[in-house]
Structures are given as structure tokens and as C-alpha cells.
Amino acid sequence: MAKRQIRIEGDPILRKKSREVTEINNRIEELLKDMEETLYDADGLGLAAPQVGVLRRVVLVDMRDDTGLIKMINPQIVEKSEDLQLNIEGCLSVPEQSGYVERPEKLVVEYLDENGKEQKLECDGYKAVCVSHELDHLDGILYIDKVVEVDEETLRELEKREELEES
């Protein structure tokens, strides 16, 4: 395993569409291991292959919950709720910045695991935010493209919600 350099906004690779993985070979296995090491070293919740300079449809997500590390190859959103949630987001490729983004409250994602087995992930809340954020990277989209202005009243409501969740 080797830690890889995280590409920073302005790097053209972050704006390109990733190609589908056609075979889970040694290179993909090595990419997954390197991405895992890079993700944990950076203390992130998710990492997409373009963020380490590889234009392949590969994503890792670890919400630090009982699900553990999820390795997704060729992930596709097959269902998403019409209900949206507004959350603050940051990104390893956009350091020292954050912004509010609206994303679906619930998602269903189909993907291949590292063994080539088809999987289905149903997620809601902040896990849905994280998965949606990482899948955007595969299409050259950064969260900063989706940031919305938040008025003072909404900001106060969000802060109250965060306080309640922390207590």
C-alpha cells in the first residue's frame, strides 16, 4: 500500500468524467488499498479515484459507524428520494473551505465490491450526503458547484439541529 497525493481544486483531472472499471485486476486492487491508506491518513469520510489522479469509477466511504469501510466499483444511484436535506460539506480536494449543499435525504446505490460481487447500499442522512458527494467526483463535479446561499433563519435552524444531534 502507498499513500497517494490528493489532487486539489484547479487540477484538471477533478473535472473529468471517470471511466467504468471493466475488470477488477491487480491495478484496481492496488488502487483500492492505496485509496484506503490515503483516506485514513487524510482523516476523511470518503475518497473518489479522481481525487488521487485516477479516472476510474471507484469510491471509498467510511462514516466511522458499524458499517465500516465501503469500497464501491462502478457505483450507480438507482433510487433517490425527492425529499432533500441541507448540510454543510467540505472536501479533501477543496481544503479549508465548506459550504451548504442540498442533497437527497435517501439513496439506493448499486455497485460491485472488491470481489466483483454486486451490492446494494441503502443510505439516508449524512451517509447519503457523503455517498452522493463522492459519486459526483466520478462525473467531474465538486461540491462547490452545488453550494447554496443560506439565509440567517435557516442557518440558526441548522445550528440548533446540530446542537441537538451532538447532545
N, C-alpha and C. Protein backbone atom coordinates (compact mmCIF):
# COMPACT_ATOMS: atom_id res chain seq x y z
N MET A 1 0.85 -1.18 0.00
CA MET A 1 0.00 0.00 0.00
C MET A 1 0.89 1.24 0.00
N ALA A 2 0.34 2.27 -0.62
CA ALA A 2 1.07 3.54 -0.66
C ALA A 2 0.08 4.69 -0.63
N LYS A 3 0.40 5.64 0.19
CA LYS A 3 -0.43 6.85 0.26
C LYS A 3 -0.23 7.62 -1.05
N ARG A 4 -1.33 8.09 -1.60
CA ARG A 4 -1.26 8.86 -2.84
C ARG A 4 -1.55 10.34 -2.55
N GLN A 5 -1.08 11.17 -3.46
CA GLN A 5 -1.30 12.60 -3.32
C GLN A 5 -2.75 12.93 -3.69
N ILE A 6 -3.39 13.73 -2.85
CA ILE A 6 -4.76 14.16 -3.13
C ILE A 6 -4.71 15.38 -4.04
N ARG A 7 -5.43 15.30 -5.14
CA ARG A 7 -5.47 16.40 -6.09
C ARG A 7 -6.34 17.51 -5.53
N ILE A 8 -5.92 18.75 -5.76
CA ILE A 8 -6.58 19.92 -5.22
C ILE A 8 -7.31 20.66 -6.33
N GLU A 9 -8.43 21.31 -5.96
CA GLU A 9 -9.22 22.07 -6.92
C GLU A 9 -8.30 22.92 -7.80
N GLY A 10 -8.59 22.91 -9.09
CA GLY A 10 -7.73 23.57 -10.06
C GLY A 10 -7.00 22.54 -10.90
N ASP A 11 -6.82 21.33 -10.36
CA ASP A 11 -6.24 20.23 -11.12
C ASP A 11 -7.30 19.77 -12.13
N PRO A 12 -6.99 19.80 -13.42
CA PRO A 12 -8.00 19.46 -14.45
C PRO A 12 -8.58 18.06 -14.32
N ILE A 13 -7.86 17.12 -13.72
CA ILE A 13 -8.38 15.74 -13.61
C ILE A 13 -9.66 15.70 -12.77
N LEU A 14 -9.81 16.62 -11.83
CA LEU A 14 -11.00 16.64 -10.97
C LEU A 14 -12.26 17.02 -11.74
N ARG A 15 -12.11 17.56 -12.93
CA ARG A 15 -13.26 17.99 -13.74
C ARG A 15 -13.58 17.04 -14.89
N LYS A 16 -12.89 15.92 -14.92
CA LYS A 16 -13.12 14.95 -15.99
C LYS A 16 -14.02 13.82 -15.51
N LYS A 17 -14.71 13.21 -16.46
CA LYS A 17 -15.59 12.08 -16.17
C LYS A 17 -14.76 10.80 -16.10
N SER A 18 -14.99 10.01 -15.06
CA SER A 18 -14.24 8.76 -14.87
C SER A 18 -14.81 7.65 -15.74
N ARG A 19 -13.92 6.72 -16.11
CA ARG A 19 -14.31 5.58 -16.93
C ARG A 19 -14.71 4.40 -16.04
N GLU A 20 -15.60 3.60 -16.58
CA GLU A 20 -16.05 2.39 -15.89
C GLU A 20 -14.90 1.41 -15.73
N VAL A 21 -14.90 0.68 -14.63
CA VAL A 21 -13.93 -0.40 -14.42
C VAL A 21 -14.48 -1.62 -15.14
N THR A 22 -13.70 -2.18 -16.08
CA THR A 22 -14.16 -3.33 -16.85
C THR A 22 -13.66 -4.64 -16.28
N GLU A 23 -12.59 -4.56 -15.45
CA GLU A 23 -12.03 -5.78 -14.86
C GLU A 23 -11.40 -5.42 -13.52
N ILE A 24 -11.69 -6.21 -12.51
CA ILE A 24 -11.08 -5.99 -11.21
C ILE A 24 -9.78 -6.80 -11.20
N ASN A 25 -8.71 -6.10 -11.55
CA ASN A 25 -7.40 -6.74 -11.66
C ASN A 25 -6.47 -6.21 -10.56
N ASN A 26 -5.19 -6.56 -10.67
CA ASN A 26 -4.22 -6.14 -9.66
C ASN A 26 -4.13 -4.62 -9.54
N ARG A 27 -4.27 -3.92 -10.65
CA ARG A 27 -4.18 -2.46 -10.61
C ARG A 27 -5.34 -1.85 -9.82
N ILE A 28 -6.53 -2.41 -9.99
CA ILE A 28 -7.69 -1.91 -9.24
C ILE A 28 -7.56 -2.28 -7.77
N GLU A 29 -7.09 -3.49 -7.49
CA GLU A 29 -6.89 -3.89 -6.09
C GLU A 29 -5.86 -2.99 -5.42
N GLU A 30 -4.79 -2.66 -6.12
CA GLU A 30 -3.76 -1.76 -5.57
C GLU A 30 -4.34 -0.36 -5.38
N LEU A 31 -5.14 0.10 -6.34
CA LEU A 31 -5.79 1.41 -6.21
C LEU A 31 -6.66 1.46 -4.96
N LEU A 32 -7.46 0.42 -4.73
CA LEU A 32 -8.32 0.37 -3.55
C LEU A 32 -7.50 0.44 -2.26
N LYS A 33 -6.41 -0.31 -2.19
CA LYS A 33 -5.56 -0.30 -0.99
C LYS A 33 -4.93 1.08 -0.79
N ASP A 34 -4.42 1.65 -1.87
CA ASP A 34 -3.80 2.97 -1.77
C ASP A 34 -4.82 4.04 -1.37
N MET A 35 -6.02 3.95 -1.93
CA MET A 35 -7.06 4.91 -1.58
C MET A 35 -7.44 4.77 -0.11
N GLU A 36 -7.50 3.55 0.39
CA GLU A 36 -7.83 3.33 1.80
C GLU A 36 -6.79 4.01 2.69
N GLU A 37 -5.52 3.78 2.39
CA GLU A 37 -4.45 4.39 3.18
C GLU A 37 -4.53 5.91 3.09
N THR A 38 -4.77 6.43 1.91
CA THR A 38 -4.85 7.87 1.69
C THR A 38 -6.03 8.47 2.45
N LEU A 39 -7.19 7.80 2.40
CA LEU A 39 -8.39 8.27 3.08
C LEU A 39 -8.15 8.39 4.59
N TYR A 40 -7.61 7.34 5.19
CA TYR A 40 -7.40 7.36 6.63
C TYR A 40 -6.31 8.33 7.04
N ASP A 41 -5.27 8.44 6.22
CA ASP A 41 -4.20 9.39 6.52
C ASP A 41 -4.73 10.83 6.51
N ALA A 42 -5.67 11.11 5.60
CA ALA A 42 -6.25 12.46 5.49
C ALA A 42 -7.41 12.68 6.45
N ASP A 43 -7.82 11.61 7.16
CA ASP A 43 -8.93 11.67 8.11
C ASP A 43 -10.23 12.10 7.44
N GLY A 44 -10.48 11.56 6.24
CA GLY A 44 -11.69 11.87 5.51
C GLY A 44 -12.76 10.82 5.71
N LEU A 45 -13.96 11.13 5.21
CA LEU A 45 -15.07 10.18 5.26
C LEU A 45 -15.24 9.46 3.93
N GLY A 46 -14.74 10.06 2.87
CA GLY A 46 -14.87 9.45 1.56
C GLY A 46 -13.76 9.92 0.64
N LEU A 47 -13.52 9.11 -0.40
CA LEU A 47 -12.49 9.44 -1.37
C LEU A 47 -12.87 8.78 -2.69
N ALA A 48 -12.76 9.54 -3.77
CA ALA A 48 -13.03 9.02 -5.10
C ALA A 48 -11.72 8.95 -5.88
N ALA A 49 -11.61 7.99 -6.78
CA ALA A 49 -10.38 7.77 -7.53
C ALA A 49 -9.84 9.04 -8.22
N PRO A 50 -10.68 9.88 -8.81
CA PRO A 50 -10.12 11.09 -9.43
C PRO A 50 -9.36 11.98 -8.45
N GLN A 51 -9.72 11.91 -7.19
CA GLN A 51 -9.03 12.72 -6.18
C GLN A 51 -7.58 12.28 -5.97
N VAL A 52 -7.25 11.08 -6.41
CA VAL A 52 -5.86 10.62 -6.36
C VAL A 52 -5.30 10.45 -7.77
N GLY A 53 -5.95 11.12 -8.73
CA GLY A 53 -5.42 11.18 -10.09
C GLY A 53 -5.75 10.02 -10.99
N VAL A 54 -6.75 9.22 -10.64
CA VAL A 54 -7.11 8.05 -11.45
C VAL A 54 -8.55 8.20 -11.93
N LEU A 55 -8.75 8.21 -13.24
CA LEU A 55 -10.09 8.40 -13.80
C LEU A 55 -10.81 7.06 -13.97
N ARG A 56 -11.11 6.45 -12.85
CA ARG A 56 -11.88 5.21 -12.80
C ARG A 56 -13.02 5.39 -11.82
N ARG A 57 -14.11 4.66 -12.05
CA ARG A 57 -15.31 4.80 -11.21
C ARG A 57 -15.15 3.95 -9.95
N VAL A 58 -14.36 4.47 -9.02
CA VAL A 58 -14.06 3.80 -7.76
C VAL A 58 -14.20 4.82 -6.63
N VAL A 59 -14.91 4.41 -5.57
CA VAL A 59 -15.18 5.30 -4.43
C VAL A 59 -15.04 4.50 -3.13
N LEU A 60 -14.50 5.17 -2.11
CA LEU A 60 -14.49 4.62 -0.76
C LEU A 60 -15.28 5.54 0.15
N VAL A 61 -16.03 4.95 1.08
CA VAL A 61 -16.77 5.71 2.09
C VAL A 61 -16.64 4.98 3.42
N ASP A 62 -16.29 5.74 4.46
CA ASP A 62 -16.27 5.19 5.81
C ASP A 62 -16.81 6.26 6.75
N MET A 63 -18.04 6.06 7.19
CA MET A 63 -18.72 7.02 8.06
C MET A 63 -18.31 6.84 9.52
N ARG A 64 -17.38 5.94 9.78
CA ARG A 64 -16.92 5.64 11.14
C ARG A 64 -18.09 5.11 11.98
N ASP A 65 -18.89 4.27 11.33
CA ASP A 65 -20.02 3.64 12.02
C ASP A 65 -19.84 2.12 11.94
N ASP A 66 -20.88 1.38 12.30
CA ASP A 66 -20.76 -0.08 12.32
C ASP A 66 -20.68 -0.70 10.93
N THR A 67 -20.92 0.08 9.88
CA THR A 67 -20.81 -0.43 8.51
C THR A 67 -19.35 -0.58 8.11
N GLY A 68 -18.48 0.29 8.63
CA GLY A 68 -17.07 0.23 8.28
C GLY A 68 -16.80 0.79 6.89
N LEU A 69 -15.68 0.39 6.32
CA LEU A 69 -15.26 0.89 5.02
C LEU A 69 -16.06 0.22 3.90
N ILE A 70 -16.62 1.05 3.04
CA ILE A 70 -17.37 0.55 1.88
C ILE A 70 -16.56 0.88 0.64
N LYS A 71 -16.21 -0.15 -0.13
CA LYS A 71 -15.45 0.03 -1.36
C LYS A 71 -16.41 -0.20 -2.52
N MET A 72 -16.60 0.83 -3.34
CA MET A 72 -17.57 0.76 -4.43
C MET A 72 -16.87 0.89 -5.78
N ILE A 73 -17.15 -0.06 -6.65
CA ILE A 73 -16.65 -0.03 -8.01
C ILE A 73 -17.86 0.12 -8.93
N ASN A 74 -17.78 1.07 -9.84
CA ASN A 74 -18.87 1.40 -10.77
C ASN A 74 -20.19 1.67 -10.05
N PRO A 75 -20.17 2.50 -9.00
CA PRO A 75 -21.42 2.78 -8.28
C PRO A 75 -22.40 3.59 -9.12
N GLN A 76 -23.67 3.29 -8.92
CA GLN A 76 -24.74 4.00 -9.63
C GLN A 76 -25.89 4.22 -8.68
N ILE A 77 -26.39 5.45 -8.65
CA ILE A 77 -27.59 5.74 -7.87
C ILE A 77 -28.77 5.21 -8.67
N VAL A 78 -29.54 4.29 -8.07
CA VAL A 78 -30.69 3.71 -8.76
C VAL A 78 -32.00 4.25 -8.22
N GLU A 79 -31.94 4.84 -7.03
CA GLU A 79 -33.12 5.49 -6.44
C GLU A 79 -32.65 6.64 -5.58
N LYS A 80 -33.43 7.72 -5.58
CA LYS A 80 -33.17 8.80 -4.63
C LYS A 80 -34.48 9.46 -4.28
N SER A 81 -34.55 9.89 -3.03
CA SER A 81 -35.79 10.49 -2.55
C SER A 81 -35.94 11.89 -3.13
N GLU A 82 -37.20 12.31 -3.24
CA GLU A 82 -37.46 13.69 -3.65
C GLU A 82 -37.20 14.64 -2.48
N ASP A 83 -37.31 14.11 -1.25
CA ASP A 83 -37.02 14.92 -0.06
C ASP A 83 -35.54 15.24 -0.04
N LEU A 84 -35.24 16.51 0.20
CA LEU A 84 -33.84 16.95 0.24
C LEU A 84 -33.44 17.31 1.66
N GLN A 85 -32.14 17.28 1.89
CA GLN A 85 -31.58 17.73 3.16
C GLN A 85 -30.49 18.75 2.85
N LEU A 86 -30.33 19.68 3.74
CA LEU A 86 -29.32 20.73 3.60
C LEU A 86 -28.26 20.49 4.66
N ASN A 87 -27.03 20.30 4.24
CA ASN A 87 -25.93 20.04 5.16
C ASN A 87 -24.69 20.79 4.72
N ILE A 88 -23.82 21.03 5.67
CA ILE A 88 -22.54 21.64 5.36
C ILE A 88 -21.59 20.55 4.87
N GLU A 89 -20.83 20.85 3.83
CA GLU A 89 -19.89 19.88 3.27
C GLU A 89 -18.53 20.50 3.13
N GLY A 90 -17.54 19.64 3.18
CA GLY A 90 -16.17 20.00 2.87
C GLY A 90 -15.62 18.91 1.98
N CYS A 91 -14.36 19.06 1.56
CA CYS A 91 -13.80 18.10 0.62
C CYS A 91 -12.28 18.10 0.75
N LEU A 92 -11.70 16.92 0.70
CA LEU A 92 -10.24 16.82 0.76
C LEU A 92 -9.58 17.52 -0.41
N SER A 93 -10.29 17.65 -1.53
CA SER A 93 -9.75 18.33 -2.70
C SER A 93 -10.02 19.83 -2.71
N VAL A 94 -10.76 20.30 -1.74
CA VAL A 94 -11.04 21.73 -1.60
C VAL A 94 -10.74 22.09 -0.14
N PRO A 95 -9.47 22.12 0.22
CA PRO A 95 -9.11 22.28 1.63
C PRO A 95 -9.51 23.63 2.22
N GLU A 96 -9.80 23.59 3.51
CA GLU A 96 -10.09 24.78 4.30
C GLU A 96 -11.29 25.59 3.80
N GLN A 97 -12.24 24.91 3.17
CA GLN A 97 -13.47 25.55 2.74
C GLN A 97 -14.64 24.64 3.08
N SER A 98 -15.81 25.22 3.17
CA SER A 98 -17.03 24.44 3.34
C SER A 98 -18.20 25.25 2.82
N GLY A 99 -19.31 24.58 2.60
CA GLY A 99 -20.50 25.26 2.13
C GLY A 99 -21.71 24.35 2.28
N TYR A 100 -22.88 24.97 2.22
CA TYR A 100 -24.13 24.22 2.35
C TYR A 100 -24.58 23.71 0.98
N VAL A 101 -24.96 22.43 0.96
CA VAL A 101 -25.39 21.77 -0.27
C VAL A 101 -26.67 21.00 0.01
N GLU A 102 -27.60 21.04 -0.94
CA GLU A 102 -28.82 20.23 -0.85
C GLU A 102 -28.58 18.92 -1.58
N ARG A 103 -28.92 17.85 -0.88
CA ARG A 103 -28.79 16.51 -1.47
C ARG A 103 -30.00 15.67 -1.06
N PRO A 104 -30.25 14.57 -1.75
CA PRO A 104 -31.38 13.71 -1.38
C PRO A 104 -31.24 13.18 0.04
N GLU A 105 -32.38 13.07 0.71
CA GLU A 105 -32.41 12.52 2.07
C GLU A 105 -32.05 11.04 2.08
N LYS A 106 -32.47 10.32 1.00
CA LYS A 106 -32.22 8.88 0.92
C LYS A 106 -31.72 8.52 -0.47
N LEU A 107 -30.86 7.50 -0.51
CA LEU A 107 -30.30 6.99 -1.78
C LEU A 107 -30.26 5.48 -1.76
N VAL A 108 -30.35 4.90 -2.93
CA VAL A 108 -30.03 3.49 -3.12
C VAL A 108 -28.97 3.43 -4.21
N VAL A 109 -27.86 2.80 -3.88
CA VAL A 109 -26.73 2.71 -4.81
C VAL A 109 -26.41 1.25 -5.08
N GLU A 110 -26.22 0.93 -6.35
CA GLU A 110 -25.76 -0.41 -6.72
C GLU A 110 -24.32 -0.28 -7.19
N TYR A 111 -23.51 -1.29 -6.84
CA TYR A 111 -22.10 -1.24 -7.18
C TYR A 111 -21.51 -2.64 -7.10
N LEU A 112 -20.27 -2.77 -7.54
CA LEU A 112 -19.53 -4.01 -7.36
C LEU A 112 -18.59 -3.83 -6.18
N ASP A 113 -18.46 -4.87 -5.36
CA ASP A 113 -17.48 -4.80 -4.28
C ASP A 113 -16.12 -5.21 -4.83
N GLU A 114 -15.12 -5.24 -3.97
CA GLU A 114 -13.75 -5.54 -4.43
C GLU A 114 -13.59 -6.96 -4.98
N ASN A 115 -14.57 -7.81 -4.73
CA ASN A 115 -14.54 -9.18 -5.26
C ASN A 115 -15.38 -9.33 -6.53
N GLY A 116 -15.92 -8.22 -7.01
CA GLY A 116 -16.74 -8.26 -8.22
C GLY A 116 -18.18 -8.66 -7.98
N LYS A 117 -18.57 -8.75 -6.71
CA LYS A 117 -19.93 -9.15 -6.37
C LYS A 117 -20.85 -7.92 -6.34
N GLU A 118 -22.03 -8.07 -6.93
CA GLU A 118 -23.00 -6.97 -6.95
C GLU A 118 -23.52 -6.70 -5.54
N GLN A 119 -23.58 -5.42 -5.20
CA GLN A 119 -24.05 -5.00 -3.88
C GLN A 119 -25.06 -3.88 -4.04
N LYS A 120 -25.87 -3.72 -3.01
CA LYS A 120 -26.84 -2.63 -2.96
C LYS A 120 -26.70 -1.95 -1.61
N LEU A 121 -26.59 -0.64 -1.61
CA LEU A 121 -26.46 0.13 -0.39
C LEU A 121 -27.63 1.10 -0.30
N GLU A 122 -28.40 0.98 0.79
CA GLU A 122 -29.46 1.94 1.07
C GLU A 122 -28.94 2.85 2.16
N CYS A 123 -29.00 4.14 1.93
CA CYS A 123 -28.47 5.05 2.95
C CYS A 123 -29.34 6.30 3.04
N ASP A 124 -29.28 6.90 4.22
CA ASP A 124 -30.02 8.13 4.45
C ASP A 124 -29.17 9.05 5.32
N GLY A 125 -29.69 10.23 5.58
CA GLY A 125 -28.98 11.17 6.43
C GLY A 125 -27.63 11.55 5.86
N TYR A 126 -26.66 11.72 6.76
CA TYR A 126 -25.35 12.20 6.31
C TYR A 126 -24.60 11.16 5.48
N LYS A 127 -24.92 9.88 5.64
CA LYS A 127 -24.29 8.87 4.77
C LYS A 127 -24.73 9.08 3.32
N ALA A 128 -26.00 9.42 3.12
CA ALA A 128 -26.48 9.72 1.77
C ALA A 128 -25.76 10.94 1.20
N VAL A 129 -25.50 11.93 2.04
CA VAL A 129 -24.75 13.12 1.62
C VAL A 129 -23.36 12.71 1.15
N CYS A 130 -22.68 11.94 1.97
CA CYS A 130 -21.30 11.54 1.68
C CYS A 130 -21.22 10.71 0.39
N VAL A 131 -22.10 9.75 0.25
CA VAL A 131 -22.10 8.90 -0.94
C VAL A 131 -22.39 9.74 -2.19
N SER A 132 -23.39 10.60 -2.11
CA SER A 132 -23.73 11.46 -3.24
C SER A 132 -22.56 12.36 -3.61
N HIS A 133 -21.90 12.93 -2.60
CA HIS A 133 -20.73 13.80 -2.79
C HIS A 133 -19.63 13.04 -3.54
N GLU A 134 -19.32 11.83 -3.09
CA GLU A 134 -18.24 11.05 -3.71
C GLU A 134 -18.60 10.63 -5.14
N LEU A 135 -19.85 10.25 -5.37
CA LEU A 135 -20.24 9.86 -6.72
C LEU A 135 -20.18 11.04 -7.68
N ASP A 136 -20.44 12.25 -7.19
CA ASP A 136 -20.29 13.44 -8.03
C ASP A 136 -18.87 13.55 -8.58
N HIS A 137 -17.88 13.20 -7.75
CA HIS A 137 -16.48 13.28 -8.20
C HIS A 137 -16.26 12.46 -9.46
N LEU A 138 -16.98 11.36 -9.61
CA LEU A 138 -16.79 10.48 -10.77
C LEU A 138 -17.25 11.13 -12.07
N ASP A 139 -18.06 12.19 -11.94
CA ASP A 139 -18.54 12.93 -13.11
C ASP A 139 -17.93 14.32 -13.21
N GLY A 140 -16.85 14.55 -12.47
CA GLY A 140 -16.16 15.83 -12.54
C GLY A 140 -16.86 16.97 -11.82
N ILE A 141 -17.71 16.63 -10.87
CA ILE A 141 -18.48 17.64 -10.14
C ILE A 141 -17.92 17.76 -8.72
N LEU A 142 -17.67 18.98 -8.27
CA LEU A 142 -17.24 19.24 -6.90
C LEU A 142 -18.40 19.85 -6.13
N TYR A 143 -18.40 19.68 -4.81
CA TYR A 143 -19.50 20.21 -4.01
C TYR A 143 -19.62 21.73 -4.18
N ILE A 144 -18.51 22.41 -4.45
CA ILE A 144 -18.56 23.87 -4.59
C ILE A 144 -19.41 24.30 -5.78
N ASP A 145 -19.66 23.38 -6.71
CA ASP A 145 -20.54 23.66 -7.84
C ASP A 145 -22.01 23.70 -7.41
N LYS A 146 -22.30 23.15 -6.24
CA LYS A 146 -23.68 22.99 -5.79
C LYS A 146 -24.00 23.79 -4.52
N VAL A 147 -23.06 24.59 -4.05
CA VAL A 147 -23.26 25.35 -2.82
C VAL A 147 -24.44 26.31 -2.98
N VAL A 148 -25.28 26.36 -1.95
CA VAL A 148 -26.44 27.26 -1.96
C VAL A 148 -26.26 28.32 -0.87
N GLU A 149 -26.84 29.47 -1.13
CA GLU A 149 -26.84 30.54 -0.12
C GLU A 149 -27.85 30.17 0.96
N VAL A 150 -27.46 30.39 2.20
CA VAL A 150 -28.34 30.07 3.32
C VAL A 150 -28.64 31.35 4.08
N ASP A 151 -29.95 31.63 4.26
CA ASP A 151 -30.33 32.84 4.98
C ASP A 151 -30.11 32.65 6.48
N GLU A 152 -30.16 33.74 7.22
CA GLU A 152 -29.87 33.71 8.66
C GLU A 152 -30.81 32.78 9.43
N GLU A 153 -32.08 32.79 9.11
CA GLU A 153 -33.05 31.96 9.82
C GLU A 153 -32.75 30.47 9.62
N THR A 154 -32.47 30.09 8.37
CA THR A 154 -32.14 28.70 8.08
C THR A 154 -30.84 28.30 8.77
N LEU A 155 -29.88 29.21 8.79
CA LEU A 155 -28.61 28.94 9.45
C LEU A 155 -28.81 28.68 10.94
N ARG A 156 -29.66 29.47 11.59
CA ARG A 156 -29.94 29.27 13.02
C ARG A 156 -30.62 27.91 13.25
N GLU A 157 -31.56 27.54 12.36
CA GLU A 157 -32.23 26.25 12.49
C GLU A 157 -31.23 25.09 12.34
N LEU A 158 -30.31 25.21 11.38
CA LEU A 158 -29.31 24.18 11.18
C LEU A 158 -28.38 24.07 12.39
N GLU A 159 -27.99 25.19 12.95
CA GLU A 159 -27.13 25.18 14.14
C GLU A 159 -27.85 24.53 15.32
N LYS A 160 -29.15 24.82 15.50
CA LYS A 160 -29.92 24.19 16.57
C LYS A 160 -29.98 22.68 16.37
N ARG A 161 -30.22 22.26 15.14
CA ARG A 161 -30.29 20.82 14.82
C ARG A 161 -28.97 20.15 15.15
N GLU A 162 -27.84 20.78 14.77
CA GLU A 162 -26.52 20.22 15.06
C GLU A 162 -26.29 20.10 16.55
N GLU A 163 -26.70 21.12 17.31
CA GLU A 163 -26.55 21.09 18.77
C GLU A 163 -27.33 19.93 19.36
N LEU A 164 -28.56 19.71 18.88
CA LEU A 164 -29.39 18.62 19.38
C LEU A 164 -28.77 17.27 19.06
N GLU A 165 -28.20 17.13 17.86
CA GLU A 165 -27.59 15.87 17.46
C GLU A 165 -26.34 15.57 18.28
N GLU A 166 -25.64 16.60 18.70
CA GLU A 166 -24.41 16.40 19.48
C GLU A 166 -24.70 16.07 20.94
N SER A 167 -25.88 16.48 21.44
CA SER A 167 -26.17 16.25 22.86
C SER A 167 -26.81 14.90 23.11
